[in-house]
């Protein structure tokens, strides 16, 4: 799949469409959360995509999964660099 990992440059033009942006983000988050390729206790994810993107995971869950927290930080930076900063979503 073209946009599941790496930079967003290759799909930048498609990200202008909110529905496509939501789909790309959901795919990338699924890949990120499944990086170890083993079952995990999935956290409650808060995601809102509209004019802006809201995303949140429980802090306790992130503290228990430091590699995922690191990868998530890189992902948030990638989206911000593409012009779509992700803001914390409410609980």
PDB file of N, CA and C in Angstrom:
ATOM      1  N   UNK A   1       0.854  -1.178   0.000  1.00  0.00           N
ATOM      2  CA  UNK A   1       0.000   0.000   0.000  1.00  0.00           C
ATOM      3  C   UNK A   1       0.890   1.228   0.000  1.00  0.00           C
ATOM      4  N   UNK A   2       0.572   2.172  -0.810  1.00  0.00           N
ATOM      5  CA  UNK A   2       1.405   3.339  -1.050  1.00  0.00           C
ATOM      6  C   UNK A   2       1.667   4.190   0.180  1.00  0.00           C
ATOM      7  N   UNK A   3       0.694   4.415   1.012  1.00  0.00           N
ATOM      8  CA  UNK A   3       0.847   5.416   2.072  1.00  0.00           C
ATOM      9  C   UNK A   3       0.896   4.847   3.483  1.00  0.00           C
ATOM     10  N   UNK A   4       1.097   3.550   3.643  1.00  0.00           N
ATOM     11  CA  UNK A   4       0.986   2.972   4.979  1.00  0.00           C
ATOM     12  C   UNK A   4       2.182   3.264   5.873  1.00  0.00           C
ATOM     13  N   UNK A   5       3.338   3.586   5.301  1.00  0.00           N
ATOM     14  CA  UNK A   5       4.543   3.889   6.085  1.00  0.00           C
ATOM     15  C   UNK A   5       5.367   4.928   5.355  1.00  0.00           C
ATOM     16  N   UNK A   6       6.317   5.490   6.069  1.00  0.00           N
ATOM     17  CA  UNK A   6       7.239   6.435   5.454  1.00  0.00           C
ATOM     18  C   UNK A   6       6.638   7.828   5.321  1.00  0.00           C
ATOM     19  N   UNK A   7       7.237   8.610   4.451  1.00  0.00           N
ATOM     20  CA  UNK A   7       6.806   9.987   4.277  1.00  0.00           C
ATOM     21  C   UNK A   7       5.454  10.116   3.597  1.00  0.00           C
ATOM     22  N   UNK A   8       4.834  11.240   3.842  1.00  0.00           N
ATOM     23  CA  UNK A   8       3.531  11.533   3.231  1.00  0.00           C
ATOM     24  C   UNK A   8       3.676  12.245   1.888  1.00  0.00           C
ATOM     25  N   UNK A   9       4.908  12.526   1.480  1.00  0.00           N
ATOM     26  CA  UNK A   9       5.136  13.261   0.231  1.00  0.00           C
ATOM     27  C   UNK A   9       4.469  12.598  -0.973  1.00  0.00           C
ATOM     28  N   UNK A  10       4.519  11.286  -1.023  1.00  0.00           N
ATOM     29  CA  UNK A  10       3.994  10.560  -2.187  1.00  0.00           C
ATOM     30  C   UNK A  10       2.478  10.629  -2.321  1.00  0.00           C
ATOM     31  N   UNK A  11       1.780  11.022  -1.255  1.00  0.00           N
ATOM     32  CA  UNK A  11       0.315  11.127  -1.314  1.00  0.00           C
ATOM     33  C   UNK A  11      -0.167  12.529  -0.950  1.00  0.00           C
ATOM     34  N   UNK A  12       0.756  13.486  -0.917  1.00  0.00           N
ATOM     35  CA  UNK A  12       0.435  14.850  -0.488  1.00  0.00           C
ATOM     36  C   UNK A  12      -0.771  15.431  -1.217  1.00  0.00           C
ATOM     37  N   UNK A  13      -0.837  15.250  -2.524  1.00  0.00           N
ATOM     38  CA  UNK A  13      -1.943  15.850  -3.284  1.00  0.00           C
ATOM     39  C   UNK A  13      -3.292  15.234  -2.915  1.00  0.00           C
ATOM     40  N   UNK A  14      -3.312  13.982  -2.518  1.00  0.00           N
ATOM     41  CA  UNK A  14      -4.561  13.318  -2.150  1.00  0.00           C
ATOM     42  C   UNK A  14      -5.049  13.739  -0.765  1.00  0.00           C
ATOM     43  N   UNK A  15      -4.165  14.281   0.061  1.00  0.00           N
ATOM     44  CA  UNK A  15      -4.528  14.626   1.433  1.00  0.00           C
ATOM     45  C   UNK A  15      -5.428  15.841   1.525  1.00  0.00           C
ATOM     46  N   UNK A  16      -5.613  16.561   0.442  1.00  0.00           N
ATOM     47  CA  UNK A  16      -6.504  17.726   0.457  1.00  0.00           C
ATOM     48  C   UNK A  16      -7.960  17.308   0.665  1.00  0.00           C
ATOM     49  N   UNK A  17      -8.283  16.077   0.300  1.00  0.00           N
ATOM     50  CA  UNK A  17      -9.635  15.552   0.483  1.00  0.00           C
ATOM     51  C   UNK A  17      -9.756  15.000   1.912  1.00  0.00           C
ATOM     52  N   UNK A  18     -10.669  15.554   2.735  1.00  0.00           N
ATOM     53  CA  UNK A  18     -10.786  15.109   4.132  1.00  0.00           C
ATOM     54  C   UNK A  18     -11.049  13.612   4.289  1.00  0.00           C
ATOM     55  N   UNK A  19     -11.838  13.039   3.403  1.00  0.00           N
ATOM     56  CA  UNK A  19     -12.140  11.607   3.515  1.00  0.00           C
ATOM     57  C   UNK A  19     -10.887  10.769   3.227  1.00  0.00           C
ATOM     58  N   UNK A  20     -10.148  11.138   2.224  1.00  0.00           N
ATOM     59  CA  UNK A  20      -8.907  10.430   1.916  1.00  0.00           C
ATOM     60  C   UNK A  20      -7.903  10.610   3.044  1.00  0.00           C
ATOM     61  N   UNK A  21      -7.824  11.824   3.580  1.00  0.00           N
ATOM     62  CA  UNK A  21      -6.920  12.106   4.692  1.00  0.00           C
ATOM     63  C   UNK A  21      -7.258  11.202   5.887  1.00  0.00           C
ATOM     64  N   UNK A  22      -8.533  11.054   6.190  1.00  0.00           N
ATOM     65  CA  UNK A  22      -8.963  10.195   7.297  1.00  0.00           C
ATOM     66  C   UNK A  22      -8.588   8.738   7.029  1.00  0.00           C
ATOM     67  N   UNK A  23      -8.757   8.288   5.806  1.00  0.00           N
ATOM     68  CA  UNK A  23      -8.441   6.905   5.465  1.00  0.00           C
ATOM     69  C   UNK A  23      -6.938   6.637   5.553  1.00  0.00           C
ATOM     70  N   UNK A  24      -6.142   7.570   5.062  1.00  0.00           N
ATOM     71  CA  UNK A  24      -4.688   7.413   5.124  1.00  0.00           C
ATOM     72  C   UNK A  24      -4.232   7.404   6.583  1.00  0.00           C
ATOM     73  N   UNK A  25      -4.765   8.303   7.378  1.00  0.00           N
ATOM     74  CA  UNK A  25      -4.403   8.361   8.785  1.00  0.00           C
ATOM     75  C   UNK A  25      -4.787   7.069   9.503  1.00  0.00           C
ATOM     76  N   UNK A  26      -5.991   6.573   9.260  1.00  0.00           N
ATOM     77  CA  UNK A  26      -6.436   5.329   9.903  1.00  0.00           C
ATOM     78  C   UNK A  26      -5.534   4.157   9.517  1.00  0.00           C
ATOM     79  N   UNK A  27      -5.166   4.078   8.250  1.00  0.00           N
ATOM     80  CA  UNK A  27      -4.277   3.009   7.793  1.00  0.00           C
ATOM     81  C   UNK A  27      -2.917   3.111   8.474  1.00  0.00           C
ATOM     82  N   UNK A  28      -2.362   4.316   8.507  1.00  0.00           N
ATOM     83  CA  UNK A  28      -1.039   4.503   9.099  1.00  0.00           C
ATOM     84  C   UNK A  28      -1.057   4.220  10.599  1.00  0.00           C
ATOM     85  N   UNK A  29      -2.123   4.598  11.283  1.00  0.00           N
ATOM     86  CA  UNK A  29      -2.223   4.309  12.711  1.00  0.00           C
ATOM     87  C   UNK A  29      -2.351   2.807  12.959  1.00  0.00           C
ATOM     88  N   UNK A  30      -3.101   2.114  12.106  1.00  0.00           N
ATOM     89  CA  UNK A  30      -3.241   0.665  12.253  1.00  0.00           C
ATOM     90  C   UNK A  30      -1.883  -0.017  12.092  1.00  0.00           C
ATOM     91  N   UNK A  31      -1.122   0.410  11.096  1.00  0.00           N
ATOM     92  CA  UNK A  31       0.213  -0.162  10.876  1.00  0.00           C
ATOM     93  C   UNK A  31       1.114   0.157  12.065  1.00  0.00           C
ATOM     94  N   UNK A  32       1.064   1.379  12.535  1.00  0.00           N
ATOM     95  CA  UNK A  32       1.893   1.796  13.661  1.00  0.00           C
ATOM     96  C   UNK A  32       1.569   0.983  14.917  1.00  0.00           C
ATOM     97  N   UNK A  33       0.296   0.805  15.210  1.00  0.00           N
ATOM     98  CA  UNK A  33      -0.104   0.072  16.417  1.00  0.00           C
ATOM     99  C   UNK A  33       0.181  -1.423  16.306  1.00  0.00           C
ATOM    100  N   UNK A  34       0.385  -1.901  15.089  1.00  0.00           N
ATOM    101  CA  UNK A  34       0.642  -3.325  14.884  1.00  0.00           C
ATOM    102  C   UNK A  34       2.117  -3.573  14.554  1.00  0.00           C
ATOM    103  N   UNK A  35       2.991  -2.633  14.921  1.00  0.00           N
ATOM    104  CA  UNK A  35       4.399  -2.731  14.541  1.00  0.00           C
ATOM    105  C   UNK A  35       5.076  -3.990  15.058  1.00  0.00           C
ATOM    106  N   UNK A  36       4.676  -4.507  16.202  1.00  0.00           N
ATOM    107  CA  UNK A  36       5.315  -5.702  16.771  1.00  0.00           C
ATOM    108  C   UNK A  36       4.763  -6.982  16.166  1.00  0.00           C
ATOM    109  N   UNK A  37       3.693  -6.885  15.431  1.00  0.00           N
ATOM    110  CA  UNK A  37       3.050  -8.029  14.776  1.00  0.00           C
ATOM    111  C   UNK A  37       2.684  -9.133  15.765  1.00  0.00           C
ATOM    112  N   UNK A  38       2.243  -8.689  16.919  1.00  0.00           N
ATOM    113  CA  UNK A  38       1.732  -9.634  17.911  1.00  0.00           C
ATOM    114  C   UNK A  38       0.534  -8.978  18.582  1.00  0.00           C
ATOM    115  N   UNK A  39      -0.348  -9.772  19.148  1.00  0.00           N
ATOM    116  CA  UNK A  39      -1.535  -9.183  19.779  1.00  0.00           C
ATOM    117  C   UNK A  39      -1.176  -8.223  20.914  1.00  0.00           C
ATOM    118  N   UNK A  40      -1.914  -7.131  20.993  1.00  0.00           N
ATOM    119  CA  UNK A  40      -1.763  -6.184  22.094  1.00  0.00           C
ATOM    120  C   UNK A  40      -3.139  -5.886  22.663  1.00  0.00           C
ATOM    121  N   UNK A  41      -3.143  -5.385  23.871  1.00  0.00           N
ATOM    122  CA  UNK A  41      -4.407  -4.914  24.435  1.00  0.00           C
ATOM    123  C   UNK A  41      -4.631  -3.519  23.851  1.00  0.00           C
ATOM    124  N   UNK A  42      -5.457  -3.451  22.855  1.00  0.00           N
ATOM    125  CA  UNK A  42      -5.672  -2.197  22.124  1.00  0.00           C
ATOM    126  C   UNK A  42      -6.265  -1.136  23.044  1.00  0.00           C
ATOM    127  N   UNK A  43      -5.716   0.053  22.965  1.00  0.00           N
ATOM    128  CA  UNK A  43      -6.232   1.139  23.790  1.00  0.00           C
ATOM    129  C   UNK A  43      -7.475   1.747  23.173  1.00  0.00           C
ATOM    130  N   UNK A  44      -8.139   2.551  23.949  1.00  0.00           N
ATOM    131  CA  UNK A  44      -9.257   3.328  23.409  1.00  0.00           C
ATOM    132  C   UNK A  44      -8.641   4.509  22.656  1.00  0.00           C
ATOM    133  N   UNK A  45      -8.924   4.585  21.379  1.00  0.00           N
ATOM    134  CA  UNK A  45      -8.357   5.623  20.523  1.00  0.00           C
ATOM    135  C   UNK A  45      -9.425   6.673  20.252  1.00  0.00           C
ATOM    136  N   UNK A  46      -9.043   7.933  20.415  1.00  0.00           N
ATOM    137  CA  UNK A  46      -9.937   9.047  20.075  1.00  0.00           C
ATOM    138  C   UNK A  46      -9.416   9.664  18.785  1.00  0.00           C
ATOM    139  N   UNK A  47     -10.265   9.702  17.784  1.00  0.00           N
ATOM    140  CA  UNK A  47      -9.866  10.225  16.480  1.00  0.00           C
ATOM    141  C   UNK A  47     -11.014  11.028  15.902  1.00  0.00           C
ATOM    142  N   UNK A  48     -10.705  12.249  15.473  1.00  0.00           N
ATOM    143  CA  UNK A  48     -11.699  13.110  14.836  1.00  0.00           C
ATOM    144  C   UNK A  48     -11.015  13.790  13.656  1.00  0.00           C
ATOM    145  N   UNK A  49     -11.553  13.579  12.474  1.00  0.00           N
ATOM    146  CA  UNK A  49     -10.976  14.174  11.275  1.00  0.00           C
ATOM    147  C   UNK A  49     -12.021  15.078  10.642  1.00  0.00           C
ATOM    148  N   UNK A  50     -11.676  16.312  10.487  1.00  0.00           N
ATOM    149  CA  UNK A  50     -12.527  17.305   9.842  1.00  0.00           C
ATOM    150  C   UNK A  50     -11.620  18.371   9.273  1.00  0.00           C
ATOM    151  N   UNK A  51     -11.893  19.629   9.580  1.00  0.00           N
ATOM    152  CA  UNK A  51     -10.987  20.693   9.156  1.00  0.00           C
ATOM    153  C   UNK A  51      -9.622  20.526   9.819  1.00  0.00           C
ATOM    154  N   UNK A  52      -9.635  19.959  11.009  1.00  0.00           N
ATOM    155  CA  UNK A  52      -8.389  19.612  11.691  1.00  0.00           C
ATOM    156  C   UNK A  52      -8.483  18.153  12.123  1.00  0.00           C
ATOM    157  N   UNK A  53      -7.374  17.626  12.606  1.00  0.00           N
ATOM    158  CA  UNK A  53      -7.331  16.232  13.036  1.00  0.00           C
ATOM    159  C   UNK A  53      -7.121  16.207  14.542  1.00  0.00           C
ATOM    160  N   UNK A  54      -7.964  15.476  15.246  1.00  0.00           N
ATOM    161  CA  UNK A  54      -7.804  15.275  16.679  1.00  0.00           C
ATOM    162  C   UNK A  54      -7.504  13.810  16.942  1.00  0.00           C
ATOM    163  N   UNK A  55      -6.525  13.553  17.786  1.00  0.00           N
ATOM    164  CA  UNK A  55      -6.126  12.176  18.056  1.00  0.00           C
ATOM    165  C   UNK A  55      -5.668  12.063  19.500  1.00  0.00           C
ATOM    166  N   UNK A  56      -6.031  10.975  20.147  1.00  0.00           N
ATOM    167  CA  UNK A  56      -5.581  10.774  21.518  1.00  0.00           C
ATOM    168  C   UNK A  56      -5.554   9.317  21.921  1.00  0.00           C
ATOM    169  N   UNK A  57      -4.599   8.992  22.758  1.00  0.00           N
ATOM    170  CA  UNK A  57      -4.479   7.682  23.381  1.00  0.00           C
ATOM    171  C   UNK A  57      -4.296   7.910  24.877  1.00  0.00           C
ATOM    172  N   UNK A  58      -4.723   6.980  25.701  1.00  0.00           N
ATOM    173  CA  UNK A  58      -4.524   7.140  27.138  1.00  0.00           C
ATOM    174  C   UNK A  58      -3.035   7.238  27.488  1.00  0.00           C
ATOM    175  N   UNK A  59      -2.677   8.202  28.331  1.00  0.00           N
ATOM    176  CA  UNK A  59      -1.279   8.406  28.716  1.00  0.00           C
ATOM    177  C   UNK A  59      -0.704   7.175  29.408  1.00  0.00           C
ATOM    178  N   UNK A  60      -1.508   6.526  30.207  1.00  0.00           N
ATOM    179  CA  UNK A  60      -1.046   5.320  30.911  1.00  0.00           C
ATOM    180  C   UNK A  60      -0.678   4.222  29.908  1.00  0.00           C
ATOM    181  N   UNK A  61      -1.489   4.060  28.863  1.00  0.00           N
ATOM    182  CA  UNK A  61      -1.204   3.050  27.850  1.00  0.00           C
ATOM    183  C   UNK A  61       0.090   3.392  27.111  1.00  0.00           C
ATOM    184  N   UNK A  62       0.255   4.669  26.754  1.00  0.00           N
ATOM    185  CA  UNK A  62       1.476   5.086  26.065  1.00  0.00           C
ATOM    186  C   UNK A  62       2.710   4.859  26.934  1.00  0.00           C
ATOM    187  N   UNK A  63       2.597   5.117  28.229  1.00  0.00           N
ATOM    188  CA  UNK A  63       3.729   4.906  29.137  1.00  0.00           C
ATOM    189  C   UNK A  63       4.119   3.432  29.192  1.00  0.00           C
ATOM    190  N   UNK A  64       3.152   2.551  29.047  1.00  0.00           N
ATOM    191  CA  UNK A  64       3.414   1.109  29.075  1.00  0.00           C
ATOM    192  C   UNK A  64       3.926   0.588  27.736  1.00  0.00           C
ATOM    193  N   UNK A  65       3.853   1.414  26.692  1.00  0.00           N
ATOM    194  CA  UNK A  65       4.277   1.024  25.347  1.00  0.00           C
ATOM    195  C   UNK A  65       5.188   2.113  24.769  1.00  0.00           C
ATOM    196  N   UNK A  66       6.419   2.241  25.292  1.00  0.00           N
ATOM    197  CA  UNK A  66       7.289   3.348  24.897  1.00  0.00           C
ATOM    198  C   UNK A  66       7.697   3.345  23.427  1.00  0.00           C
ATOM    199  N   UNK A  67       7.870   2.185  22.813  1.00  0.00           N
ATOM    200  CA  UNK A  67       8.230   2.173  21.389  1.00  0.00           C
ATOM    201  C   UNK A  67       7.077   2.711  20.554  1.00  0.00           C
ATOM    202  N   UNK A  68       5.873   2.314  20.882  1.00  0.00           N
ATOM    203  CA  UNK A  68       4.705   2.832  20.171  1.00  0.00           C
ATOM    204  C   UNK A  68       4.583   4.337  20.377  1.00  0.00           C
ATOM    205  N   UNK A  69       4.847   4.812  21.591  1.00  0.00           N
ATOM    206  CA  UNK A  69       4.806   6.252  21.865  1.00  0.00           C
ATOM    207  C   UNK A  69       5.830   6.987  21.004  1.00  0.00           C
ATOM    208  N   UNK A  70       7.017   6.416  20.860  1.00  0.00           N
ATOM    209  CA  UNK A  70       8.056   7.018  20.017  1.00  0.00           C
ATOM    210  C   UNK A  70       7.614   7.066  18.550  1.00  0.00           C
ATOM    211  N   UNK A  71       7.115   5.952  18.054  1.00  0.00           N
ATOM    212  CA  UNK A  71       6.651   5.895  16.663  1.00  0.00           C
ATOM    213  C   UNK A  71       5.498   6.859  16.430  1.00  0.00           C
ATOM    214  N   UNK A  72       4.633   6.996  17.406  1.00  0.00           N
ATOM    215  CA  UNK A  72       3.515   7.923  17.296  1.00  0.00           C
ATOM    216  C   UNK A  72       4.018   9.366  17.218  1.00  0.00           C
ATOM    217  N   UNK A  73       5.023   9.685  18.007  1.00  0.00           N
ATOM    218  CA  UNK A  73       5.613  11.024  17.950  1.00  0.00           C
ATOM    219  C   UNK A  73       6.172  11.333  16.575  1.00  0.00           C
ATOM    220  N   UNK A  74       6.838  10.355  15.971  1.00  0.00           N
ATOM    221  CA  UNK A  74       7.356  10.531  14.610  1.00  0.00           C
ATOM    222  C   UNK A  74       6.213  10.710  13.611  1.00  0.00           C
ATOM    223  N   UNK A  75       5.138   9.969  13.804  1.00  0.00           N
ATOM    224  CA  UNK A  75       3.981  10.065  12.909  1.00  0.00           C
ATOM    225  C   UNK A  75       3.326  11.438  13.014  1.00  0.00           C
ATOM    226  N   UNK A  76       3.169  11.937  14.230  1.00  0.00           N
ATOM    227  CA  UNK A  76       2.579  13.257  14.417  1.00  0.00           C
ATOM    228  C   UNK A  76       3.440  14.326  13.762  1.00  0.00           C
ATOM    229  N   UNK A  77       4.760  14.185  13.848  1.00  0.00           N
ATOM    230  CA  UNK A  77       5.668  15.128  13.198  1.00  0.00           C
ATOM    231  C   UNK A  77       5.534  15.056  11.681  1.00  0.00           C
ATOM    232  N   UNK A  78       5.344  13.874  11.151  1.00  0.00           N
ATOM    233  CA  UNK A  78       5.174  13.704   9.698  1.00  0.00           C
ATOM    234  C   UNK A  78       3.927  14.445   9.213  1.00  0.00           C
ATOM    235  N   UNK A  79       2.819  14.296   9.946  1.00  0.00           N
ATOM    236  CA  UNK A  79       1.580  14.972   9.563  1.00  0.00           C
ATOM    237  C   UNK A  79       1.713  16.480   9.693  1.00  0.00           C
ATOM    238  N   UNK A  80       2.384  16.923  10.732  1.00  0.00           N
ATOM    239  CA  UNK A  80       2.594  18.354  10.918  1.00  0.00           C
ATOM    240  C   UNK A  80       3.438  18.917   9.783  1.00  0.00           C
ATOM    241  N   UNK A  81       4.478  18.195   9.405  1.00  0.00           N
ATOM    242  CA  UNK A  81       5.332  18.610   8.298  1.00  0.00           C
ATOM    243  C   UNK A  81       4.604  18.658   6.967  1.00  0.00           C
ATOM    244  N   UNK A  82       3.548  17.857   6.833  1.00  0.00           N
ATOM    245  CA  UNK A  82       2.755  17.843   5.605  1.00  0.00           C
ATOM    246  C   UNK A  82       1.688  18.929   5.612  1.00  0.00           C
ATOM    247  N   UNK A  83       1.614  19.691   6.708  1.00  0.00           N
ATOM    248  CA  UNK A  83       0.637  20.771   6.787  1.00  0.00           C
ATOM    249  C   UNK A  83      -0.667  20.386   7.460  1.00  0.00           C
ATOM    250  N   UNK A  84      -0.692  19.243   8.130  1.00  0.00           N
ATOM    251  CA  UNK A  84      -1.895  18.768   8.818  1.00  0.00           C
ATOM    252  C   UNK A  84      -1.550  18.413  10.256  1.00  0.00           C
ATOM    253  N   UNK A  85      -1.292  19.431  11.087  1.00  0.00           N
ATOM    254  CA  UNK A  85      -0.949  19.119  12.484  1.00  0.00           C
ATOM    255  C   UNK A  85      -2.098  18.407  13.187  1.00  0.00           C
ATOM    256  N   UNK A  86      -1.747  17.524  14.051  1.00  0.00           N
ATOM    257  CA  UNK A  86      -2.725  16.739  14.798  1.00  0.00           C
ATOM    258  C   UNK A  86      -2.789  17.298  16.208  1.00  0.00           C
ATOM    259  N   UNK A  87      -3.983  17.631  16.652  1.00  0.00           N
ATOM    260  CA  UNK A  87      -4.182  18.193  17.985  1.00  0.00           C
ATOM    261  C   UNK A  87      -4.679  17.095  18.910  1.00  0.00           C
ATOM    262  N   UNK A  88      -4.462  17.246  20.212  1.00  0.00           N
ATOM    263  CA  UNK A  88      -4.989  16.252  21.156  1.00  0.00           C
ATOM    264  C   UNK A  88      -6.525  16.239  21.099  1.00  0.00           C
ATOM    265  N   UNK A  89      -7.088  15.045  21.061  1.00  0.00           N
ATOM    266  CA  UNK A  89      -8.542  14.889  21.073  1.00  0.00           C
ATOM    267  C   UNK A  89      -9.008  14.782  22.512  1.00  0.00           C
ATOM    268  N   UNK A  90     -10.183  15.292  22.784  1.00  0.00           N
ATOM    269  CA  UNK A  90     -10.754  15.217  24.135  1.00  0.00           C
ATOM    270  C   UNK A  90     -11.055  13.795  24.537  1.00  0.00           C
ATOM    271  N   UNK A  91     -11.149  13.600  25.821  1.00  0.00           N
ATOM    272  CA  UNK A  91     -11.408  12.259  26.350  1.00  0.00           C
ATOM    273  C   UNK A  91     -12.807  11.799  26.087  1.00  0.00           C
TER     274      UNK A  91
END
